[in-house]
Amino acid sequence: MIPIEVESRIATYFFHRFLPDEVIEQIVELLLPLCLEADEEEDLDQEDLVRQAVTIIEDQLEGKNFK
C-alpha cells in the first residue's frame, strides 16, 4: 500500500503541473471561502470539499487527454 503522504505529494504535483490555470482558479474560488469560514480545520467536511473539486475537474477536463 502506498503511504498517504506519498499519494498526497503525487496528487499535489499533478494538480499544479497538469491542470489548466482556469481549473485551479475555479477550485480555489469555490474552496477558499469555505475554508476561511470554518473556525477550525475539524469543522470542514473534507469529503465534500474533495467531491466538489473533483466535479469541477471532471467537468472541465471531460474529453481531454493528458499526454
Protein backbone atom coordinates (compact mmCIF):
# COMPACT_ATOMS: atom_id res chain seq x y z
CA MET A 1 0.00 0.00 0.00
CA ILE A 2 1.23 3.49 -0.85
CA PRO A 3 1.59 5.76 2.20
CA ILE A 4 -0.93 8.62 2.25
CA GLU A 5 1.90 11.17 2.37
CA VAL A 6 3.29 9.83 -0.91
CA GLU A 7 -0.17 9.85 -2.52
CA SER A 8 -0.69 13.44 -1.37
CA ARG A 9 2.64 14.57 -2.82
CA ILE A 10 1.89 12.88 -6.15
CA ALA A 11 -1.57 14.47 -6.26
CA THR A 12 -0.15 17.89 -5.40
CA TYR A 13 2.41 17.57 -8.17
CA PHE A 14 -0.27 16.54 -10.69
CA PHE A 15 -2.60 19.32 -9.56
CA HIS A 16 -0.03 22.09 -10.02
CA ARG A 17 1.75 20.65 -13.06
CA PHE A 18 -1.03 19.46 -15.32
CA LEU A 19 -4.30 21.21 -14.50
CA PRO A 20 -5.01 24.33 -16.54
CA ASP A 21 -4.82 27.57 -14.57
CA GLU A 22 -8.53 28.20 -15.21
CA VAL A 23 -9.46 24.95 -13.48
CA ILE A 24 -7.23 25.67 -10.49
CA GLU A 25 -8.75 29.15 -10.22
CA GLN A 26 -12.29 27.72 -10.21
CA ILE A 27 -11.37 25.28 -7.46
CA VAL A 28 -9.70 27.98 -5.36
CA GLU A 29 -12.69 30.32 -5.84
CA LEU A 30 -15.01 27.56 -4.63
CA LEU A 31 -12.98 26.12 -1.76
CA LEU A 32 -11.09 29.08 -0.31
CA PRO A 33 -14.15 30.89 1.10
CA LEU A 34 -15.43 27.65 2.61
CA CYS A 35 -12.07 27.00 4.25
CA LEU A 36 -11.76 30.57 5.54
CA GLU A 37 -15.26 30.46 7.05
CA ALA A 38 -14.51 27.36 9.10
CA ASP A 39 -13.45 28.08 12.66
CA GLU A 40 -11.19 25.06 12.81
CA GLU A 41 -9.94 22.51 10.32
CA GLU A 42 -12.12 19.92 12.05
CA ASP A 43 -15.20 21.95 11.07
CA LEU A 44 -14.55 21.29 7.38
CA ASP A 45 -16.29 18.45 5.61
CA GLN A 46 -13.19 17.38 3.71
CA GLU A 47 -15.00 14.66 1.79
CA ASP A 48 -17.46 17.22 0.45
CA LEU A 49 -14.66 19.64 -0.47
CA VAL A 50 -12.90 16.88 -2.41
CA ARG A 51 -16.14 15.87 -4.15
CA GLN A 52 -16.80 19.46 -5.22
CA ALA A 53 -13.25 19.90 -6.54
CA VAL A 54 -13.35 16.59 -8.42
CA THR A 55 -16.65 17.59 -10.01
CA ILE A 56 -15.07 20.80 -11.32
CA ILE A 57 -12.03 18.91 -12.60
CA GLU A 58 -14.14 16.26 -14.34
CA ASP A 59 -16.46 18.85 -15.90
CA GLN A 60 -13.60 21.00 -17.19
CA LEU A 61 -11.44 18.15 -18.47
CA GLU A 62 -14.17 15.98 -19.99
CA GLY A 63 -12.96 14.59 -23.29
CA LYS A 64 -9.44 16.00 -22.97
CA ASN A 65 -6.29 13.86 -22.95
CA PHE A 66 -3.10 14.28 -20.98
CA LYS A 67 -0.01 13.49 -22.99
